[in-house]
């Protein structure tokens, strides 16, 4: 079992930045993938970024256009999502997720999910 807790969401003005954090606990191994997804009301859950636990493999959705960066601090069992140049269309609930290495990091078929943290970007 893996437990995930997100934090760092909030209200930010367009063009601003936020850093989300996901603290992982439980039986996590070095072959686990850590991912970020987001979901706006009435929309499908969307892939944002993912990282191997060690950080040697990184994945990003093309639509993020280099604005978002995933990183990790293994000593704190924490994965971060740095979000810059935020736009109103980035408004969503952001979820941290984890799974063992599998067929695809891009689909929301992860084994473990956090509770989500709300990000709201105002005009």
C-alpha atoms as a PDB file:
ATOM      1  CA  UNK A   1       0.000   0.000   0.000  1.00  0.00           C
ATOM      2  CA  UNK A   2       1.109   3.513  -0.857  1.00  0.00           C
ATOM      3  CA  UNK A   3      -0.372   6.645   0.644  1.00  0.00           C
ATOM      4  CA  UNK A   4      -0.138   9.980  -1.166  1.00  0.00           C
ATOM      5  CA  UNK A   5      -0.935  13.446   0.169  1.00  0.00           C
ATOM      6  CA  UNK A   6      -0.914  16.516  -2.078  1.00  0.00           C
ATOM      7  CA  UNK A   7      -0.487  20.102  -0.964  1.00  0.00           C
ATOM      8  CA  UNK A   8       0.337  23.498  -2.401  1.00  0.00           C
ATOM      9  CA  UNK A   9      -2.796  24.279  -4.353  1.00  0.00           C
ATOM     10  CA  UNK A  10      -4.605  27.560  -4.075  1.00  0.00           C
ATOM     11  CA  UNK A  11      -5.662  30.694  -5.885  1.00  0.00           C
ATOM     12  CA  UNK A  12      -3.138  32.434  -8.113  1.00  0.00           C
ATOM     13  CA  UNK A  13      -3.289  35.218 -10.668  1.00  0.00           C
ATOM     14  CA  UNK A  14      -2.719  34.424 -14.333  1.00  0.00           C
ATOM     15  CA  UNK A  15       0.983  34.461 -15.094  1.00  0.00           C
ATOM     16  CA  UNK A  16       1.893  33.432 -11.578  1.00  0.00           C
ATOM     17  CA  UNK A  17       3.438  30.261 -10.219  1.00  0.00           C
ATOM     18  CA  UNK A  18       2.632  27.488  -7.788  1.00  0.00           C
ATOM     19  CA  UNK A  19       4.554  24.495  -6.537  1.00  0.00           C
ATOM     20  CA  UNK A  20       2.582  21.401  -5.656  1.00  0.00           C
ATOM     21  CA  UNK A  21       3.996  18.724  -3.382  1.00  0.00           C
ATOM     22  CA  UNK A  22       3.120  15.065  -2.991  1.00  0.00           C
ATOM     23  CA  UNK A  23       4.373  13.201   0.053  1.00  0.00           C
ATOM     24  CA  UNK A  24       4.481   9.444  -0.386  1.00  0.00           C
ATOM     25  CA  UNK A  25       4.520   6.827   2.334  1.00  0.00           C
ATOM     26  CA  UNK A  26       4.148   3.080   2.495  1.00  0.00           C
ATOM     27  CA  UNK A  27       5.696   0.312   0.461  1.00  0.00           C
ATOM     28  CA  UNK A  28       7.116   2.252  -2.449  1.00  0.00           C
ATOM     29  CA  UNK A  29      10.001   0.871  -4.472  1.00  0.00           C
ATOM     30  CA  UNK A  30      12.608   2.263  -6.811  1.00  0.00           C
ATOM     31  CA  UNK A  31      10.740   1.046  -9.897  1.00  0.00           C
ATOM     32  CA  UNK A  32       7.614   3.061  -9.066  1.00  0.00           C
ATOM     33  CA  UNK A  33       6.370   5.829 -11.331  1.00  0.00           C
ATOM     34  CA  UNK A  34       5.079   9.056  -9.788  1.00  0.00           C
ATOM     35  CA  UNK A  35       2.595  10.998 -11.877  1.00  0.00           C
ATOM     36  CA  UNK A  36       0.544  14.165 -11.842  1.00  0.00           C
ATOM     37  CA  UNK A  37      -2.914  14.334 -13.393  1.00  0.00           C
ATOM     38  CA  UNK A  38      -5.528  17.042 -13.392  1.00  0.00           C
ATOM     39  CA  UNK A  39      -9.274  17.131 -13.822  1.00  0.00           C
ATOM     40  CA  UNK A  40     -11.516  20.113 -14.444  1.00  0.00           C
ATOM     41  CA  UNK A  41     -15.267  19.895 -13.793  1.00  0.00           C
ATOM     42  CA  UNK A  42     -17.020  17.895 -16.495  1.00  0.00           C
ATOM     43  CA  UNK A  43     -13.775  16.896 -18.200  1.00  0.00           C
ATOM     44  CA  UNK A  44     -11.660  13.769 -18.446  1.00  0.00           C
ATOM     45  CA  UNK A  45      -8.730  13.281 -16.150  1.00  0.00           C
ATOM     46  CA  UNK A  46      -5.667  14.560 -18.008  1.00  0.00           C
ATOM     47  CA  UNK A  47      -2.028  13.544 -17.805  1.00  0.00           C
ATOM     48  CA  UNK A  48       0.331  16.320 -16.746  1.00  0.00           C
ATOM     49  CA  UNK A  49       3.752  14.872 -15.920  1.00  0.00           C
ATOM     50  CA  UNK A  50       5.448  11.806 -14.504  1.00  0.00           C
ATOM     51  CA  UNK A  51       8.799  10.753 -13.120  1.00  0.00           C
ATOM     52  CA  UNK A  52      10.543   7.598 -12.097  1.00  0.00           C
ATOM     53  CA  UNK A  53      11.134   7.574  -8.368  1.00  0.00           C
ATOM     54  CA  UNK A  54      14.844   8.140  -8.928  1.00  0.00           C
ATOM     55  CA  UNK A  55      14.196  10.987 -11.364  1.00  0.00           C
ATOM     56  CA  UNK A  56      16.200   9.485 -14.207  1.00  0.00           C
ATOM     57  CA  UNK A  57      13.146   9.317 -16.501  1.00  0.00           C
ATOM     58  CA  UNK A  58      10.791  12.274 -16.949  1.00  0.00           C
ATOM     59  CA  UNK A  59       7.598  12.567 -18.984  1.00  0.00           C
ATOM     60  CA  UNK A  60       5.499  15.612 -19.868  1.00  0.00           C
ATOM     61  CA  UNK A  61       2.291  16.254 -21.709  1.00  0.00           C
ATOM     62  CA  UNK A  62       2.980  18.221 -24.887  1.00  0.00           C
ATOM     63  CA  UNK A  63       0.305  20.726 -23.936  1.00  0.00           C
ATOM     64  CA  UNK A  64       2.298  21.885 -20.933  1.00  0.00           C
ATOM     65  CA  UNK A  65       4.733  23.613 -23.325  1.00  0.00           C
ATOM     66  CA  UNK A  66       7.620  23.560 -20.889  1.00  0.00           C
ATOM     67  CA  UNK A  67       5.765  25.559 -18.246  1.00  0.00           C
ATOM     68  CA  UNK A  68       5.598  22.688 -15.767  1.00  0.00           C
ATOM     69  CA  UNK A  69       8.499  20.831 -14.187  1.00  0.00           C
ATOM     70  CA  UNK A  70       8.373  17.643 -12.146  1.00  0.00           C
ATOM     71  CA  UNK A  71      11.078  16.980  -9.584  1.00  0.00           C
ATOM     72  CA  UNK A  72      11.596  14.992  -6.422  1.00  0.00           C
ATOM     73  CA  UNK A  73      13.368  14.982  -3.093  1.00  0.00           C
ATOM     74  CA  UNK A  74      13.939  11.353  -2.246  1.00  0.00           C
ATOM     75  CA  UNK A  75      15.127  12.143   1.273  1.00  0.00           C
ATOM     76  CA  UNK A  76      11.670  13.573   1.992  1.00  0.00           C
ATOM     77  CA  UNK A  77       9.737  11.032  -0.118  1.00  0.00           C
ATOM     78  CA  UNK A  78       8.275  14.008  -1.931  1.00  0.00           C
ATOM     79  CA  UNK A  79       7.516  14.731  -5.588  1.00  0.00           C
ATOM     80  CA  UNK A  80       6.946  18.301  -6.742  1.00  0.00           C
ATOM     81  CA  UNK A  81       5.194  19.930  -9.653  1.00  0.00           C
ATOM     82  CA  UNK A  82       6.459  23.431 -10.371  1.00  0.00           C
ATOM     83  CA  UNK A  83       3.888  25.333 -12.420  1.00  0.00           C
ATOM     84  CA  UNK A  84       4.903  28.598 -14.070  1.00  0.00           C
ATOM     85  CA  UNK A  85       3.103  31.047 -16.343  1.00  0.00           C
ATOM     86  CA  UNK A  86      -0.234  29.739 -15.157  1.00  0.00           C
ATOM     87  CA  UNK A  87      -3.312  30.304 -17.271  1.00  0.00           C
ATOM     88  CA  UNK A  88      -7.014  30.180 -16.384  1.00  0.00           C
ATOM     89  CA  UNK A  89      -7.316  26.944 -18.374  1.00  0.00           C
ATOM     90  CA  UNK A  90      -4.931  25.330 -15.875  1.00  0.00           C
ATOM     91  CA  UNK A  91      -7.688  25.545 -13.266  1.00  0.00           C
ATOM     92  CA  UNK A  92      -8.405  22.005 -12.069  1.00  0.00           C
ATOM     93  CA  UNK A  93      -8.032  19.557  -9.237  1.00  0.00           C
ATOM     94  CA  UNK A  94      -4.501  18.193  -9.410  1.00  0.00           C
ATOM     95  CA  UNK A  95      -3.880  14.607  -8.327  1.00  0.00           C
ATOM     96  CA  UNK A  96      -0.703  12.808  -7.418  1.00  0.00           C
ATOM     97  CA  UNK A  97      -0.595   9.147  -8.424  1.00  0.00           C
ATOM     98  CA  UNK A  98       1.768   6.205  -8.178  1.00  0.00           C
ATOM     99  CA  UNK A  99       2.185   2.790  -9.729  1.00  0.00           C
ATOM    100  CA  UNK A 100       4.874   0.226 -10.467  1.00  0.00           C
ATOM    101  CA  UNK A 101       6.541   0.638 -13.846  1.00  0.00           C
ATOM    102  CA  UNK A 102       3.997  -0.401 -16.453  1.00  0.00           C
ATOM    103  CA  UNK A 103       2.925  -0.161 -20.057  1.00  0.00           C
ATOM    104  CA  UNK A 104       2.205   3.578 -20.184  1.00  0.00           C
ATOM    105  CA  UNK A 105       2.641   6.541 -17.867  1.00  0.00           C
ATOM    106  CA  UNK A 106       0.165   8.668 -19.834  1.00  0.00           C
ATOM    107  CA  UNK A 107      -3.122   6.972 -18.969  1.00  0.00           C
ATOM    108  CA  UNK A 108      -4.812   7.305 -15.562  1.00  0.00           C
ATOM    109  CA  UNK A 109      -4.443   3.617 -14.716  1.00  0.00           C
ATOM    110  CA  UNK A 110      -2.292   4.156 -11.660  1.00  0.00           C
ATOM    111  CA  UNK A 111      -2.697   2.040  -8.546  1.00  0.00           C
ATOM    112  CA  UNK A 112      -2.625   4.767  -5.899  1.00  0.00           C
ATOM    113  CA  UNK A 113      -4.070   8.268  -5.817  1.00  0.00           C
ATOM    114  CA  UNK A 114      -3.986  11.227  -3.495  1.00  0.00           C
ATOM    115  CA  UNK A 115      -7.042  13.213  -2.512  1.00  0.00           C
ATOM    116  CA  UNK A 116      -6.301  16.046  -4.928  1.00  0.00           C
ATOM    117  CA  UNK A 117      -5.518  19.706  -4.439  1.00  0.00           C
ATOM    118  CA  UNK A 118      -7.448  22.541  -6.060  1.00  0.00           C
ATOM    119  CA  UNK A 119      -5.616  24.984  -8.313  1.00  0.00           C
ATOM    120  CA  UNK A 120      -7.547  28.054  -9.402  1.00  0.00           C
ATOM    121  CA  UNK A 121      -6.040  30.594 -11.789  1.00  0.00           C
ATOM    122  CA  UNK A 122      -7.808  33.927 -12.039  1.00  0.00           C
ATOM    123  CA  UNK A 123      -7.719  36.317 -14.984  1.00  0.00           C
END
